[in-house]
Amino acid sequence: MLSGWELGKHITSIRYRKVLAGYYAQPPEVLFAHQDQRLTAGSETPLLLVGHHDLRAAMTEVVHGAGQYLAVVGSRSRDAAYLDAIEAVLVQRPELVHYRVLFGPPRHQVLKDHLLRLVKIRDPHDRSLGVKTLHIGVVEDAPRAPERFFCASESTAVVPIPSLTSSEAFDSGVLFEAAVAERLIDHARQVYAGARRIESDQALRDLPAVPS
């Protein structure tokens, strides 16, 4: 943890900021200001996405552009083409590290089927490339952990937002560049660390049935 913080490889979470603040007897604002300044420096401009086509295209482009990491968070994915793109890129790039974290069980059968295919494409327990390349977890403490939605690579990220066109549509989001995308990769890592692992065919099949 200390090495990653000192070398700037990872963003320090709230929990460990408190630990390190106590260790060094310095407030978090002093120790970690350099980590947060990048987000407000104004060097990157978020792009508002409005319309299902633009949102889907941006999320798919994040998937296609992932070279080192691909983090997807949320339990409501049901766009088969988008999920197919994730599977294709994992086949094409064996070294790509993928995080998939659910908040509660899958809400749609197409997502559950996708997760089952992921563990056939890759063995989550394989370390032949030196690292674990598939991480699947579920956060089950729903009342205390609000559901989150995003798709992020090391260079770009899309965060869906409430629809700007209809109360029922999934068609709006914000596209971010590398500084925010890297933070969201760390966010996914931290959420996965506290999630229950569902990294086998049986564990996925044991998830609650998806309503028809």
Protein backbone atom coordinates (compact mmCIF):
# COMPACT_ATOMS: atom_id res chain seq x y z
CA MET A 1 0.00 0.00 0.00
CA LEU A 2 2.76 2.44 0.96
CA SER A 3 4.76 1.66 -2.15
CA GLY A 4 1.80 2.19 -4.46
CA TRP A 5 1.01 5.50 -2.76
CA GLU A 6 4.59 6.80 -2.82
CA LEU A 7 5.15 5.80 -6.45
CA GLY A 8 1.82 7.23 -7.58
CA LYS A 9 0.62 3.91 -8.98
CA HIS A 10 -2.73 3.89 -7.19
CA ILE A 11 -5.11 6.36 -5.65
CA THR A 12 -5.44 6.00 -1.88
CA SER A 13 -8.94 5.11 -0.68
CA ILE A 14 -10.73 6.92 2.16
CA ARG A 15 -10.04 4.00 4.51
CA TYR A 16 -6.29 4.06 3.96
CA ARG A 17 -6.15 7.85 3.89
CA LYS A 18 -7.35 7.73 7.48
CA VAL A 19 -4.77 5.08 8.35
CA LEU A 20 -1.88 7.00 6.79
CA ALA A 21 -3.06 10.32 8.24
CA GLY A 22 -2.86 8.76 11.69
CA TYR A 23 0.51 7.17 10.98
CA TYR A 24 2.11 10.41 9.77
CA ALA A 25 0.11 12.70 12.11
CA GLN A 26 -0.89 14.84 9.14
CA PRO A 27 -4.39 15.61 7.81
CA PRO A 28 -5.47 13.88 4.56
CA GLU A 29 -5.66 17.29 2.86
CA VAL A 30 -1.88 17.62 3.26
CA LEU A 31 -0.90 14.07 2.35
CA PHE A 32 -3.19 13.49 -0.61
CA ALA A 33 -3.84 16.90 -2.18
CA HIS A 34 -1.54 15.98 -5.08
CA GLN A 35 -3.73 12.99 -5.92
CA ASP A 36 -6.88 15.08 -6.21
CA GLN A 37 -5.56 18.21 -7.91
CA ARG A 38 -5.40 16.48 -11.29
CA LEU A 39 -9.18 16.10 -11.32
CA THR A 40 -9.78 19.84 -10.97
CA ALA A 41 -6.87 21.09 -13.07
CA GLY A 42 -9.11 21.66 -16.09
CA SER A 43 -6.84 19.79 -18.48
CA GLU A 44 -9.65 17.44 -19.49
CA THR A 45 -13.19 18.32 -20.58
CA PRO A 46 -15.98 15.79 -19.98
CA LEU A 47 -18.31 15.20 -22.93
CA LEU A 48 -22.06 14.92 -22.41
CA LEU A 49 -23.65 12.00 -24.27
CA VAL A 50 -27.35 12.24 -25.11
CA GLY A 51 -29.11 9.55 -27.12
CA HIS A 52 -28.98 5.78 -26.90
CA HIS A 53 -26.86 5.48 -30.04
CA ASP A 54 -24.18 7.88 -28.76
CA LEU A 55 -24.12 6.32 -25.27
CA ARG A 56 -23.86 2.78 -26.60
CA ALA A 57 -21.21 3.77 -29.16
CA ALA A 58 -19.09 5.49 -26.49
CA MET A 59 -19.29 2.54 -24.10
CA THR A 60 -18.38 0.13 -26.89
CA GLU A 61 -15.45 2.36 -27.87
CA VAL A 62 -14.17 2.23 -24.27
CA VAL A 63 -14.21 -1.57 -24.55
CA HIS A 64 -12.45 -1.61 -27.93
CA GLY A 65 -9.80 0.84 -26.69
CA ALA A 66 -8.91 -1.07 -23.51
CA GLY A 67 -5.31 -2.20 -23.57
CA GLN A 68 -4.43 -2.85 -19.93
CA TYR A 69 -7.63 -2.67 -17.89
CA LEU A 70 -11.36 -2.86 -18.46
CA ALA A 71 -13.65 -2.26 -15.49
CA VAL A 72 -17.43 -2.59 -15.74
CA VAL A 73 -19.61 -1.93 -12.72
CA GLY A 74 -23.37 -2.44 -12.44
CA SER A 75 -26.03 -5.16 -12.55
CA ARG A 76 -28.41 -3.94 -15.26
CA SER A 77 -26.54 -4.45 -18.55
CA ARG A 78 -28.76 -5.94 -21.21
CA ASP A 79 -27.32 -4.71 -24.51
CA ALA A 80 -26.20 -7.93 -26.17
CA ALA A 81 -23.94 -6.20 -28.71
CA TYR A 82 -22.09 -4.31 -25.96
CA LEU A 83 -21.64 -7.50 -23.91
CA ASP A 84 -20.48 -9.36 -27.02
CA ALA A 85 -17.84 -6.65 -27.56
CA ILE A 86 -16.49 -7.26 -24.04
CA GLU A 87 -16.22 -10.98 -24.69
CA ALA A 88 -14.51 -10.41 -28.04
CA VAL A 89 -11.85 -8.09 -26.61
CA LEU A 90 -11.08 -10.55 -23.80
CA VAL A 91 -10.49 -13.26 -26.39
CA GLN A 92 -8.34 -10.97 -28.54
CA ARG A 93 -6.23 -9.61 -25.65
CA PRO A 94 -5.41 -12.34 -23.12
CA GLU A 95 -3.34 -9.92 -21.02
CA LEU A 96 -6.23 -7.44 -20.56
CA VAL A 97 -7.27 -7.34 -16.89
CA HIS A 98 -11.05 -7.28 -16.53
CA TYR A 99 -13.07 -6.29 -13.45
CA ARG A 100 -16.82 -6.93 -13.41
CA VAL A 101 -18.57 -5.97 -10.18
CA LEU A 102 -22.32 -6.37 -9.64
CA PHE A 103 -24.48 -4.56 -7.10
CA GLY A 104 -26.92 -7.29 -6.23
CA PRO A 105 -27.71 -10.12 -8.66
CA PRO A 106 -28.00 -9.59 -12.43
CA ARG A 107 -31.28 -7.89 -13.34
CA HIS A 108 -31.42 -9.49 -16.79
CA GLN A 109 -30.80 -13.02 -18.04
CA VAL A 110 -28.60 -11.71 -20.86
CA LEU A 111 -26.15 -10.38 -18.25
CA LYS A 112 -26.11 -13.66 -16.31
CA ASP A 113 -25.45 -15.54 -19.55
CA HIS A 114 -22.63 -13.11 -20.32
CA LEU A 115 -20.98 -13.76 -16.95
CA LEU A 116 -21.19 -17.52 -17.52
CA ARG A 117 -19.45 -17.07 -20.87
CA LEU A 118 -16.70 -14.98 -19.25
CA VAL A 119 -15.59 -17.84 -16.99
CA LYS A 120 -15.50 -20.12 -20.05
CA ILE A 121 -13.37 -17.62 -21.98
CA ARG A 122 -10.95 -17.28 -19.04
CA ASP A 123 -10.16 -19.11 -15.86
CA PRO A 124 -10.37 -16.48 -13.09
CA HIS A 125 -7.83 -18.47 -11.08
CA ASP A 126 -5.22 -18.64 -13.86
CA ARG A 127 -1.92 -16.83 -13.22
CA SER A 128 -0.01 -17.99 -16.29
CA LEU A 129 0.56 -14.35 -17.37
CA GLY A 130 1.79 -13.43 -13.90
CA VAL A 131 -1.44 -11.76 -12.76
CA LYS A 132 -5.10 -12.58 -12.32
CA THR A 133 -6.88 -11.29 -15.44
CA LEU A 134 -10.55 -11.90 -14.62
CA HIS A 135 -12.23 -10.56 -11.48
CA ILE A 136 -15.97 -11.04 -10.91
CA GLY A 137 -17.66 -10.05 -7.67
CA VAL A 138 -21.03 -9.06 -6.26
CA VAL A 139 -21.75 -6.44 -3.59
CA GLU A 140 -24.67 -7.81 -1.63
CA ASP A 141 -25.04 -5.18 1.09
CA ALA A 142 -27.39 -3.18 -1.14
CA PRO A 143 -28.98 -0.92 1.54
CA ARG A 144 -25.55 0.40 2.56
CA ALA A 145 -23.85 0.32 -0.83
CA PRO A 146 -25.59 2.34 -3.55
CA GLU A 147 -25.46 0.76 -6.98
CA ARG A 148 -22.93 2.25 -9.37
CA PHE A 149 -22.64 2.16 -13.14
CA PHE A 150 -19.61 2.79 -15.32
CA CYS A 151 -17.38 1.34 -17.98
CA ALA A 152 -13.71 2.34 -17.84
CA SER A 153 -10.40 1.54 -19.49
CA GLU A 154 -7.04 3.05 -18.61
CA SER A 155 -7.66 5.90 -21.08
CA THR A 156 -11.40 6.66 -21.21
CA ALA A 157 -14.56 6.03 -19.21
CA VAL A 158 -18.32 6.37 -19.62
CA VAL A 159 -20.58 6.97 -16.64
CA PRO A 160 -24.33 6.70 -17.38
CA ILE A 161 -26.49 9.38 -15.77
CA PRO A 162 -30.27 9.73 -15.37
CA SER A 163 -31.86 10.13 -18.78
CA LEU A 164 -32.17 13.68 -20.07
CA THR A 165 -34.95 12.65 -22.45
CA SER A 166 -37.27 10.27 -20.59
CA SER A 167 -37.82 8.87 -17.13
CA GLU A 168 -37.52 5.32 -18.49
CA ALA A 169 -34.72 5.64 -21.06
CA PHE A 170 -31.09 4.57 -20.75
CA ASP A 171 -29.62 7.10 -23.12
CA SER A 172 -27.48 9.68 -21.30
CA GLY A 173 -24.00 9.69 -19.88
CA VAL A 174 -20.68 11.48 -19.54
CA LEU A 175 -17.46 10.56 -21.35
CA PHE A 176 -14.25 11.15 -19.38
CA GLU A 177 -10.59 11.03 -20.36
CA ALA A 178 -7.59 9.35 -18.71
CA ALA A 179 -7.38 11.18 -15.35
CA VAL A 180 -10.93 10.23 -14.36
CA ALA A 181 -10.75 6.83 -16.09
CA GLU A 182 -7.74 5.84 -13.98
CA ARG A 183 -9.63 6.81 -10.83
CA LEU A 184 -12.57 4.65 -11.85
CA ILE A 185 -10.27 1.68 -12.44
CA ASP A 186 -9.06 2.12 -8.86
CA HIS A 187 -12.68 2.49 -7.73
CA ALA A 188 -13.51 -0.86 -9.33
CA ARG A 189 -10.49 -2.49 -7.67
CA GLN A 190 -11.57 -1.23 -4.25
CA VAL A 191 -15.18 -2.32 -4.73
CA TYR A 192 -14.05 -5.75 -5.93
CA ALA A 193 -11.81 -6.12 -2.86
CA GLY A 194 -14.89 -5.88 -0.65
CA ALA A 195 -17.19 -7.93 -2.88
CA ARG A 196 -18.08 -11.62 -2.71
CA ARG A 197 -16.26 -13.56 -5.42
CA ILE A 198 -18.49 -15.28 -7.98
CA GLU A 199 -15.75 -16.70 -10.16
CA SER A 200 -16.96 -20.18 -11.05
CA ASP A 201 -19.73 -21.56 -13.21
CA GLN A 202 -21.51 -22.89 -10.12
CA ALA A 203 -21.22 -19.65 -8.15
CA LEU A 204 -22.78 -17.76 -11.05
CA ARG A 205 -25.57 -20.30 -11.49
CA ASP A 206 -26.33 -20.04 -7.76
CA LEU A 207 -27.16 -16.35 -8.08
CA PRO A 208 -30.88 -15.62 -7.61
CA ALA A 209 -33.01 -16.36 -10.64
CA VAL A 210 -33.62 -13.45 -12.97
CA PRO A 211 -37.36 -12.59 -13.20
CA SER A 212 -38.83 -13.49 -16.55
